[in-house]
Amino acid sequence: MKQFTYLIGDENGMHARPAGKLATYAKRFVSDVSVSANGKKADGKRLLSLMSLGAAKGAALEFTITGEDEEQACQTLRQFCEENLCGEE
């Protein structure tokens, strides 16, 4: 099991576009991906599940990745967050 936390810096939080991209990235891996924020837990491979988190700017996304390709999934998803949820243009 691999875990990491990412603090959202984007003014718009995790809206539909980055949530959709995140789900697409997560689906590339065999490992289970769960994302928690605001006391809620979501399936990282499902757009609507991710949107239900209501993760705004400043929210901490807690990723838990479990499975045979968890190391690669963890690195890829962390990089995704840094590139898509940081808030810098």
PDB file of N, CA and C in Angstrom:
ATOM      1  N   MET A   1       0.839  -1.180   0.000  1.00  0.00           N
ATOM      2  CA  MET A   1       0.000   0.000   0.000  1.00  0.00           C
ATOM      3  C   MET A   1       0.886   1.246   0.000  1.00  0.00           C
ATOM      4  N   LYS A   2       0.526   2.187  -0.858  1.00  0.00           N
ATOM      5  CA  LYS A   2       1.216   3.471  -0.951  1.00  0.00           C
ATOM      6  C   LYS A   2       0.213   4.567  -0.636  1.00  0.00           C
ATOM      7  N   GLN A   3       0.695   5.620   0.036  1.00  0.00           N
ATOM      8  CA  GLN A   3      -0.175   6.739   0.379  1.00  0.00           C
ATOM      9  C   GLN A   3       0.572   8.050   0.179  1.00  0.00           C
ATOM     10  N   PHE A   4      -0.186   9.079  -0.187  1.00  0.00           N
ATOM     11  CA  PHE A   4       0.358  10.432  -0.194  1.00  0.00           C
ATOM     12  C   PHE A   4      -0.792  11.413  -0.061  1.00  0.00           C
ATOM     13  N   THR A   5      -0.451  12.617   0.367  1.00  0.00           N
ATOM     14  CA  THR A   5      -1.442  13.682   0.533  1.00  0.00           C
ATOM     15  C   THR A   5      -1.034  14.842  -0.358  1.00  0.00           C
ATOM     16  N   TYR A   6      -2.021  15.443  -1.005  1.00  0.00           N
ATOM     17  CA  TYR A   6      -1.763  16.598  -1.856  1.00  0.00           C
ATOM     18  C   TYR A   6      -2.733  17.713  -1.495  1.00  0.00           C
ATOM     19  N   LEU A   7      -2.199  18.894  -1.258  1.00  0.00           N
ATOM     20  CA  LEU A   7      -3.003  20.063  -0.908  1.00  0.00           C
ATOM     21  C   LEU A   7      -3.348  20.821  -2.197  1.00  0.00           C
ATOM     22  N   ILE A   8      -4.630  20.975  -2.482  1.00  0.00           N
ATOM     23  CA  ILE A   8      -5.072  21.627  -3.718  1.00  0.00           C
ATOM     24  C   ILE A   8      -4.761  23.118  -3.672  1.00  0.00           C
ATOM     25  N   GLY A   9      -4.056  23.587  -4.698  1.00  0.00           N
ATOM     26  CA  GLY A   9      -3.713  25.006  -4.795  1.00  0.00           C
ATOM     27  C   GLY A   9      -4.524  25.738  -5.848  1.00  0.00           C
ATOM     28  N   ASP A  10      -5.190  25.016  -6.722  1.00  0.00           N
ATOM     29  CA  ASP A  10      -5.980  25.614  -7.801  1.00  0.00           C
ATOM     30  C   ASP A  10      -7.171  26.367  -7.223  1.00  0.00           C
ATOM     31  N   GLU A  11      -7.384  27.598  -7.684  1.00  0.00           N
ATOM     32  CA  GLU A  11      -8.495  28.435  -7.207  1.00  0.00           C
ATOM     33  C   GLU A  11      -9.853  27.758  -7.376  1.00  0.00           C
ATOM     34  N   ASN A  12      -9.991  26.939  -8.412  1.00  0.00           N
ATOM     35  CA  ASN A  12     -11.258  26.279  -8.710  1.00  0.00           C
ATOM     36  C   ASN A  12     -11.411  24.930  -8.012  1.00  0.00           C
ATOM     37  N   GLY A  13     -10.420  24.527  -7.242  1.00  0.00           N
ATOM     38  CA  GLY A  13     -10.480  23.231  -6.583  1.00  0.00           C
ATOM     39  C   GLY A  13     -10.417  22.108  -7.604  1.00  0.00           C
ATOM     40  N   MET A  14     -10.928  20.950  -7.214  1.00  0.00           N
ATOM     41  CA  MET A  14     -10.941  19.822  -8.151  1.00  0.00           C
ATOM     42  C   MET A  14     -12.301  19.800  -8.840  1.00  0.00           C
ATOM     43  N   HIS A  15     -12.412  20.574  -9.905  1.00  0.00           N
ATOM     44  CA  HIS A  15     -13.654  20.641 -10.677  1.00  0.00           C
ATOM     45  C   HIS A  15     -13.683  19.508 -11.706  1.00  0.00           C
ATOM     46  N   ALA A  16     -14.660  19.522 -12.585  1.00  0.00           N
ATOM     47  CA  ALA A  16     -14.905  18.398 -13.495  1.00  0.00           C
ATOM     48  C   ALA A  16     -13.709  18.031 -14.382  1.00  0.00           C
ATOM     49  N   ARG A  17     -13.044  19.004 -14.944  1.00  0.00           N
ATOM     50  CA  ARG A  17     -11.951  18.691 -15.872  1.00  0.00           C
ATOM     51  C   ARG A  17     -10.804  17.948 -15.189  1.00  0.00           C
ATOM     52  N   PRO A  18     -10.230  18.472 -14.101  1.00  0.00           N
ATOM     53  CA  PRO A  18      -9.144  17.703 -13.473  1.00  0.00           C
ATOM     54  C   PRO A  18      -9.626  16.398 -12.840  1.00  0.00           C
ATOM     55  N   ALA A  19     -10.850  16.368 -12.351  1.00  0.00           N
ATOM     56  CA  ALA A  19     -11.377  15.121 -11.779  1.00  0.00           C
ATOM     57  C   ALA A  19     -11.498  14.055 -12.864  1.00  0.00           C
ATOM     58  N   GLY A  20     -11.946  14.454 -14.043  1.00  0.00           N
ATOM     59  CA  GLY A  20     -12.041  13.517 -15.161  1.00  0.00           C
ATOM     60  C   GLY A  20     -10.686  13.011 -15.595  1.00  0.00           C
ATOM     61  N   LYS A  21      -9.714  13.918 -15.663  1.00  0.00           N
ATOM     62  CA  LYS A  21      -8.353  13.520 -16.026  1.00  0.00           C
ATOM     63  C   LYS A  21      -7.765  12.581 -14.970  1.00  0.00           C
ATOM     64  N   LEU A  22      -8.012  12.896 -13.698  1.00  0.00           N
ATOM     65  CA  LEU A  22      -7.501  12.059 -12.615  1.00  0.00           C
ATOM     66  C   LEU A  22      -8.065  10.648 -12.730  1.00  0.00           C
ATOM     67  N   ALA A  23      -9.364  10.534 -12.981  1.00  0.00           N
ATOM     68  CA  ALA A  23      -9.993   9.219 -13.136  1.00  0.00           C
ATOM     69  C   ALA A  23      -9.384   8.469 -14.316  1.00  0.00           C
ATOM     70  N   THR A  24      -9.135   9.168 -15.414  1.00  0.00           N
ATOM     71  CA  THR A  24      -8.534   8.544 -16.593  1.00  0.00           C
ATOM     72  C   THR A  24      -7.129   8.032 -16.279  1.00  0.00           C
ATOM     73  N   TYR A  25      -6.343   8.821 -15.582  1.00  0.00           N
ATOM     74  CA  TYR A  25      -4.997   8.396 -15.191  1.00  0.00           C
ATOM     75  C   TYR A  25      -5.069   7.181 -14.266  1.00  0.00           C
ATOM     76  N   ALA A  26      -5.958   7.218 -13.296  1.00  0.00           N
ATOM     77  CA  ALA A  26      -6.073   6.120 -12.323  1.00  0.00           C
ATOM     78  C   ALA A  26      -6.490   4.817 -12.995  1.00  0.00           C
ATOM     79  N   LYS A  27      -7.326   4.911 -14.031  1.00  0.00           N
ATOM     80  CA  LYS A  27      -7.797   3.714 -14.735  1.00  0.00           C
ATOM     81  C   LYS A  27      -6.689   3.000 -15.484  1.00  0.00           C
ATOM     82  N   ARG A  28      -5.581   3.648 -15.689  1.00  0.00           N
ATOM     83  CA  ARG A  28      -4.444   3.031 -16.389  1.00  0.00           C
ATOM     84  C   ARG A  28      -3.786   1.938 -15.547  1.00  0.00           C
ATOM     85  N   PHE A  29      -4.084   1.920 -14.273  1.00  0.00           N
ATOM     86  CA  PHE A  29      -3.414   0.999 -13.360  1.00  0.00           C
ATOM     87  C   PHE A  29      -4.351  -0.083 -12.848  1.00  0.00           C
ATOM     88  N   VAL A  30      -3.774  -1.226 -12.554  1.00  0.00           N
ATOM     89  CA  VAL A  30      -4.520  -2.352 -11.995  1.00  0.00           C
ATOM     90  C   VAL A  30      -4.869  -2.070 -10.535  1.00  0.00           C
ATOM     91  N   SER A  31      -4.004  -1.371  -9.853  1.00  0.00           N
ATOM     92  CA  SER A  31      -4.179  -1.087  -8.424  1.00  0.00           C
ATOM     93  C   SER A  31      -5.471  -0.335  -8.137  1.00  0.00           C
ATOM     94  N   ASP A  32      -6.015  -0.550  -6.944  1.00  0.00           N
ATOM     95  CA  ASP A  32      -7.153   0.220  -6.467  1.00  0.00           C
ATOM     96  C   ASP A  32      -6.652   1.587  -6.026  1.00  0.00           C
ATOM     97  N   VAL A  33      -7.406   2.621  -6.378  1.00  0.00           N
ATOM     98  CA  VAL A  33      -7.051   3.994  -6.015  1.00  0.00           C
ATOM     99  C   VAL A  33      -8.229   4.594  -5.270  1.00  0.00           C
ATOM    100  N   SER A  34      -7.997   4.999  -4.030  1.00  0.00           N
ATOM    101  CA  SER A  34      -9.046   5.708  -3.304  1.00  0.00           C
ATOM    102  C   SER A  34      -8.514   7.082  -2.916  1.00  0.00           C
ATOM    103  N   VAL A  35      -9.424   8.043  -2.911  1.00  0.00           N
ATOM    104  CA  VAL A  35      -9.071   9.428  -2.601  1.00  0.00           C
ATOM    105  C   VAL A  35     -10.040   9.916  -1.527  1.00  0.00           C
ATOM    106  N   SER A  36      -9.495  10.498  -0.469  1.00  0.00           N
ATOM    107  CA  SER A  36     -10.324  11.024   0.619  1.00  0.00           C
ATOM    108  C   SER A  36     -10.101  12.527   0.759  1.00  0.00           C
ATOM    109  N   ALA A  37     -11.187  13.211   1.100  1.00  0.00           N
ATOM    110  CA  ALA A  37     -11.126  14.648   1.379  1.00  0.00           C
ATOM    111  C   ALA A  37     -12.408  15.037   2.090  1.00  0.00           C
ATOM    112  N   ASN A  38     -12.320  15.985   2.989  1.00  0.00           N
ATOM    113  CA  ASN A  38     -13.501  16.502   3.691  1.00  0.00           C
ATOM    114  C   ASN A  38     -14.306  15.406   4.383  1.00  0.00           C
ATOM    115  N   GLY A  39     -13.630  14.389   4.887  1.00  0.00           N
ATOM    116  CA  GLY A  39     -14.314  13.310   5.588  1.00  0.00           C
ATOM    117  C   GLY A  39     -15.044  12.339   4.686  1.00  0.00           C
ATOM    118  N   LYS A  40     -14.831  12.446   3.378  1.00  0.00           N
ATOM    119  CA  LYS A  40     -15.476  11.554   2.409  1.00  0.00           C
ATOM    120  C   LYS A  40     -14.413  10.749   1.675  1.00  0.00           C
ATOM    121  N   LYS A  41     -14.816   9.583   1.173  1.00  0.00           N
ATOM    122  CA  LYS A  41     -13.897   8.722   0.440  1.00  0.00           C
ATOM    123  C   LYS A  41     -14.478   8.441  -0.938  1.00  0.00           C
ATOM    124  N   ALA A  42     -13.607   8.464  -1.969  1.00  0.00           N
ATOM    125  CA  ALA A  42     -14.049   8.266  -3.344  1.00  0.00           C
ATOM    126  C   ALA A  42     -13.191   7.229  -4.048  1.00  0.00           C
ATOM    127  N   ASP A  43     -13.790   6.581  -5.036  1.00  0.00           N
ATOM    128  CA  ASP A  43     -13.066   5.685  -5.931  1.00  0.00           C
ATOM    129  C   ASP A  43     -12.337   6.577  -6.938  1.00  0.00           C
ATOM    130  N   GLY A  44     -11.030   6.509  -6.942  1.00  0.00           N
ATOM    131  CA  GLY A  44     -10.225   7.362  -7.806  1.00  0.00           C
ATOM    132  C   GLY A  44     -10.382   7.102  -9.284  1.00  0.00           C
ATOM    133  N   LYS A  45     -11.081   6.035  -9.642  1.00  0.00           N
ATOM    134  CA  LYS A  45     -11.275   5.701 -11.052  1.00  0.00           C
ATOM    135  C   LYS A  45     -12.649   6.127 -11.566  1.00  0.00           C
ATOM    136  N   ARG A  46     -13.419   6.823 -10.723  1.00  0.00           N
ATOM    137  CA  ARG A  46     -14.776   7.224 -11.103  1.00  0.00           C
ATOM    138  C   ARG A  46     -14.950   8.735 -10.937  1.00  0.00           C
ATOM    139  N   LEU A  47     -15.273   9.385 -12.050  1.00  0.00           N
ATOM    140  CA  LEU A  47     -15.424  10.840 -12.072  1.00  0.00           C
ATOM    141  C   LEU A  47     -16.448  11.328 -11.055  1.00  0.00           C
ATOM    142  N   LEU A  48     -17.643  10.764 -11.069  1.00  0.00           N
ATOM    143  CA  LEU A  48     -18.690  11.250 -10.165  1.00  0.00           C
ATOM    144  C   LEU A  48     -18.330  11.020  -8.704  1.00  0.00           C
ATOM    145  N   SER A  49     -17.636   9.940  -8.434  1.00  0.00           N
ATOM    146  CA  SER A  49     -17.188   9.668  -7.072  1.00  0.00           C
ATOM    147  C   SER A  49     -16.198  10.751  -6.627  1.00  0.00           C
ATOM    148  N   LEU A  50     -15.268  11.106  -7.502  1.00  0.00           N
ATOM    149  CA  LEU A  50     -14.299  12.160  -7.192  1.00  0.00           C
ATOM    150  C   LEU A  50     -14.984  13.516  -7.021  1.00  0.00           C
ATOM    151  N   MET A  51     -15.953  13.811  -7.862  1.00  0.00           N
ATOM    152  CA  MET A  51     -16.667  15.086  -7.765  1.00  0.00           C
ATOM    153  C   MET A  51     -17.440  15.188  -6.454  1.00  0.00           C
ATOM    154  N   SER A  52     -17.899  14.053  -5.922  1.00  0.00           N
ATOM    155  CA  SER A  52     -18.678  14.065  -4.681  1.00  0.00           C
ATOM    156  C   SER A  52     -17.848  14.493  -3.471  1.00  0.00           C
ATOM    157  N   LEU A  53     -16.524  14.526  -3.623  1.00  0.00           N
ATOM    158  CA  LEU A  53     -15.663  14.959  -2.512  1.00  0.00           C
ATOM    159  C   LEU A  53     -15.825  16.453  -2.216  1.00  0.00           C
ATOM    160  N   GLY A  54     -16.200  17.225  -3.214  1.00  0.00           N
ATOM    161  CA  GLY A  54     -16.329  18.673  -3.028  1.00  0.00           C
ATOM    162  C   GLY A  54     -15.015  19.308  -2.614  1.00  0.00           C
ATOM    163  N   ALA A  55     -13.924  18.884  -3.247  1.00  0.00           N
ATOM    164  CA  ALA A  55     -12.582  19.336  -2.861  1.00  0.00           C
ATOM    165  C   ALA A  55     -12.270  20.708  -3.453  1.00  0.00           C
ATOM    166  N   ALA A  56     -12.309  21.726  -2.615  1.00  0.00           N
ATOM    167  CA  ALA A  56     -12.029  23.102  -3.020  1.00  0.00           C
ATOM    168  C   ALA A  56     -10.554  23.437  -2.775  1.00  0.00           C
ATOM    169  N   LYS A  57     -10.163  24.646  -3.146  1.00  0.00           N
ATOM    170  CA  LYS A  57      -8.795  25.104  -2.895  1.00  0.00           C
ATOM    171  C   LYS A  57      -8.488  24.961  -1.412  1.00  0.00           C
ATOM    172  N   GLY A  58      -7.319  24.418  -1.112  1.00  0.00           N
ATOM    173  CA  GLY A  58      -6.888  24.238   0.268  1.00  0.00           C
ATOM    174  C   GLY A  58      -7.248  22.884   0.851  1.00  0.00           C
ATOM    175  N   ALA A  59      -8.092  22.119   0.153  1.00  0.00           N
ATOM    176  CA  ALA A  59      -8.469  20.789   0.645  1.00  0.00           C
ATOM    177  C   ALA A  59      -7.288  19.830   0.485  1.00  0.00           C
ATOM    178  N   ALA A  60      -7.145  18.932   1.434  1.00  0.00           N
ATOM    179  CA  ALA A  60      -6.106  17.913   1.378  1.00  0.00           C
ATOM    180  C   ALA A  60      -6.699  16.647   0.774  1.00  0.00           C
ATOM    181  N   LEU A  61      -6.149  16.231  -0.353  1.00  0.00           N
ATOM    182  CA  LEU A  61      -6.546  14.967  -0.974  1.00  0.00           C
ATOM    183  C   LEU A  61      -5.623  13.883  -0.445  1.00  0.00           C
ATOM    184  N   GLU A  62      -6.188  12.862   0.135  1.00  0.00           N
ATOM    185  CA  GLU A  62      -5.401  11.757   0.677  1.00  0.00           C
ATOM    186  C   GLU A  62      -5.582  10.546  -0.230  1.00  0.00           C
ATOM    187  N   PHE A  63      -4.516  10.151  -0.898  1.00  0.00           N
ATOM    188  CA  PHE A  63      -4.540   9.035  -1.839  1.00  0.00           C
ATOM    189  C   PHE A  63      -4.066   7.768  -1.150  1.00  0.00           C
ATOM    190  N   THR A  64      -4.763   6.666  -1.398  1.00  0.00           N
ATOM    191  CA  THR A  64      -4.340   5.344  -0.955  1.00  0.00           C
ATOM    192  C   THR A  64      -4.390   4.441  -2.178  1.00  0.00           C
ATOM    193  N   ILE A  65      -3.260   3.824  -2.484  1.00  0.00           N
ATOM    194  CA  ILE A  65      -3.137   3.000  -3.677  1.00  0.00           C
ATOM    195  C   ILE A  65      -2.663   1.616  -3.261  1.00  0.00           C
ATOM    196  N   THR A  66      -3.416   0.601  -3.673  1.00  0.00           N
ATOM    197  CA  THR A  66      -3.115  -0.762  -3.278  1.00  0.00           C
ATOM    198  C   THR A  66      -3.188  -1.678  -4.490  1.00  0.00           C
ATOM    199  N   GLY A  67      -2.110  -2.433  -4.735  1.00  0.00           N
ATOM    200  CA  GLY A  67      -2.124  -3.379  -5.842  1.00  0.00           C
ATOM    201  C   GLY A  67      -0.746  -3.625  -6.401  1.00  0.00           C
ATOM    202  N   GLU A  68      -0.712  -4.400  -7.441  1.00  0.00           N
ATOM    203  CA  GLU A  68       0.568  -4.849  -7.980  1.00  0.00           C
ATOM    204  C   GLU A  68       1.392  -3.751  -8.646  1.00  0.00           C
ATOM    205  N   ASP A  69       0.766  -2.689  -9.123  1.00  0.00           N
ATOM    206  CA  ASP A  69       1.514  -1.595  -9.745  1.00  0.00           C
ATOM    207  C   ASP A  69       1.398  -0.301  -8.929  1.00  0.00           C
ATOM    208  N   GLU A  70       1.267  -0.457  -7.606  1.00  0.00           N
ATOM    209  CA  GLU A  70       1.030   0.696  -6.726  1.00  0.00           C
ATOM    210  C   GLU A  70       2.150   1.726  -6.741  1.00  0.00           C
ATOM    211  N   GLU A  71       3.386   1.281  -6.866  1.00  0.00           N
ATOM    212  CA  GLU A  71       4.511   2.217  -6.866  1.00  0.00           C
ATOM    213  C   GLU A  71       4.436   3.157  -8.068  1.00  0.00           C
ATOM    214  N   GLN A  72       4.242   2.584  -9.251  1.00  0.00           N
ATOM    215  CA  GLN A  72       4.142   3.387 -10.460  1.00  0.00           C
ATOM    216  C   GLN A  72       2.900   4.271 -10.424  1.00  0.00           C
ATOM    217  N   ALA A  73       1.784   3.729  -9.949  1.00  0.00           N
ATOM    218  CA  ALA A  73       0.543   4.510  -9.846  1.00  0.00           C
ATOM    219  C   ALA A  73       0.734   5.695  -8.911  1.00  0.00           C
ATOM    220  N   CYS A  74       1.380   5.472  -7.798  1.00  0.00           N
ATOM    221  CA  CYS A  74       1.615   6.538  -6.819  1.00  0.00           C
ATOM    222  C   CYS A  74       2.429   7.669  -7.446  1.00  0.00           C
ATOM    223  N   GLN A  75       3.501   7.328  -8.122  1.00  0.00           N
ATOM    224  CA  GLN A  75       4.355   8.343  -8.747  1.00  0.00           C
ATOM    225  C   GLN A  75       3.591   9.116  -9.827  1.00  0.00           C
ATOM    226  N   THR A  76       2.840   8.401 -10.649  1.00  0.00           N
ATOM    227  CA  THR A  76       2.101   9.030 -11.741  1.00  0.00           C
ATOM    228  C   THR A  76       1.011   9.959 -11.214  1.00  0.00           C
ATOM    229  N   LEU A  77       0.260   9.504 -10.212  1.00  0.00           N
ATOM    230  CA  LEU A  77      -0.833  10.314  -9.678  1.00  0.00           C
ATOM    231  C   LEU A  77      -0.315  11.528  -8.907  1.00  0.00           C
ATOM    232  N   ARG A  78       0.791  11.371  -8.222  1.00  0.00           N
ATOM    233  CA  ARG A  78       1.401  12.516  -7.533  1.00  0.00           C
ATOM    234  C   ARG A  78       1.841  13.568  -8.553  1.00  0.00           C
ATOM    235  N   GLN A  79       2.471  13.124  -9.624  1.00  0.00           N
ATOM    236  CA  GLN A  79       2.900  14.043 -10.678  1.00  0.00           C
ATOM    237  C   GLN A  79       1.682  14.712 -11.316  1.00  0.00           C
ATOM    238  N   PHE A  80       0.609  13.946 -11.532  1.00  0.00           N
ATOM    239  CA  PHE A  80      -0.615  14.510 -12.082  1.00  0.00           C
ATOM    240  C   PHE A  80      -1.106  15.669 -11.205  1.00  0.00           C
ATOM    241  N   CYS A  81      -1.158  15.449  -9.896  1.00  0.00           N
ATOM    242  CA  CYS A  81      -1.627  16.482  -8.967  1.00  0.00           C
ATOM    243  C   CYS A  81      -0.761  17.725  -9.047  1.00  0.00           C
ATOM    244  N   GLU A  82       0.548  17.529  -9.086  1.00  0.00           N
ATOM    245  CA  GLU A  82       1.476  18.660  -9.137  1.00  0.00           C
ATOM    246  C   GLU A  82       1.304  19.471 -10.413  1.00  0.00           C
ATOM    247  N   GLU A  83       0.921  18.808 -11.495  1.00  0.00           N
ATOM    248  CA  GLU A  83       0.778  19.489 -12.777  1.00  0.00           C
ATOM    249  C   GLU A  83      -0.627  20.056 -13.007  1.00  0.00           C
ATOM    250  N   ASN A  84      -1.638  19.511 -12.335  1.00  0.00           N
ATOM    251  CA  ASN A  84      -3.023  19.887 -12.645  1.00  0.00           C
ATOM    252  C   ASN A  84      -3.810  20.515 -11.501  1.00  0.00           C
ATOM    253  N   LEU A  85      -3.331  20.422 -10.286  1.00  0.00           N
ATOM    254  CA  LEU A  85      -4.075  20.957  -9.142  1.00  0.00           C
ATOM    255  C   LEU A  85      -3.282  21.967  -8.326  1.00  0.00           C
ATOM    256  N   CYS A  86      -2.179  22.426  -8.870  1.00  0.00           N
ATOM    257  CA  CYS A  86      -1.299  23.313  -8.112  1.00  0.00           C
ATOM    258  C   CYS A  86      -1.751  24.765  -8.106  1.00  0.00           C
ATOM    259  N   GLY A  87      -2.493  25.183  -9.118  1.00  0.00           N
ATOM    260  CA  GLY A  87      -2.964  26.550  -9.160  1.00  0.00           C
ATOM    261  C   GLY A  87      -2.069  27.507  -9.891  1.00  0.00           C
ATOM    262  N   GLU A  88      -0.928  27.059 -10.359  1.00  0.00           N
ATOM    263  CA  GLU A  88      -0.021  27.921 -11.108  1.00  0.00           C
ATOM    264  C   GLU A  88      -0.314  27.792 -12.588  1.00  0.00           C
ATOM    265  N   GLU A  89      -0.246  28.889 -13.278  1.00  0.00           N
ATOM    266  CA  GLU A  89      -0.484  28.886 -14.737  1.00  0.00           C
ATOM    267  C   GLU A  89       0.813  28.769 -15.457  1.00  0.00           C
TER     268      GLU A  89
END
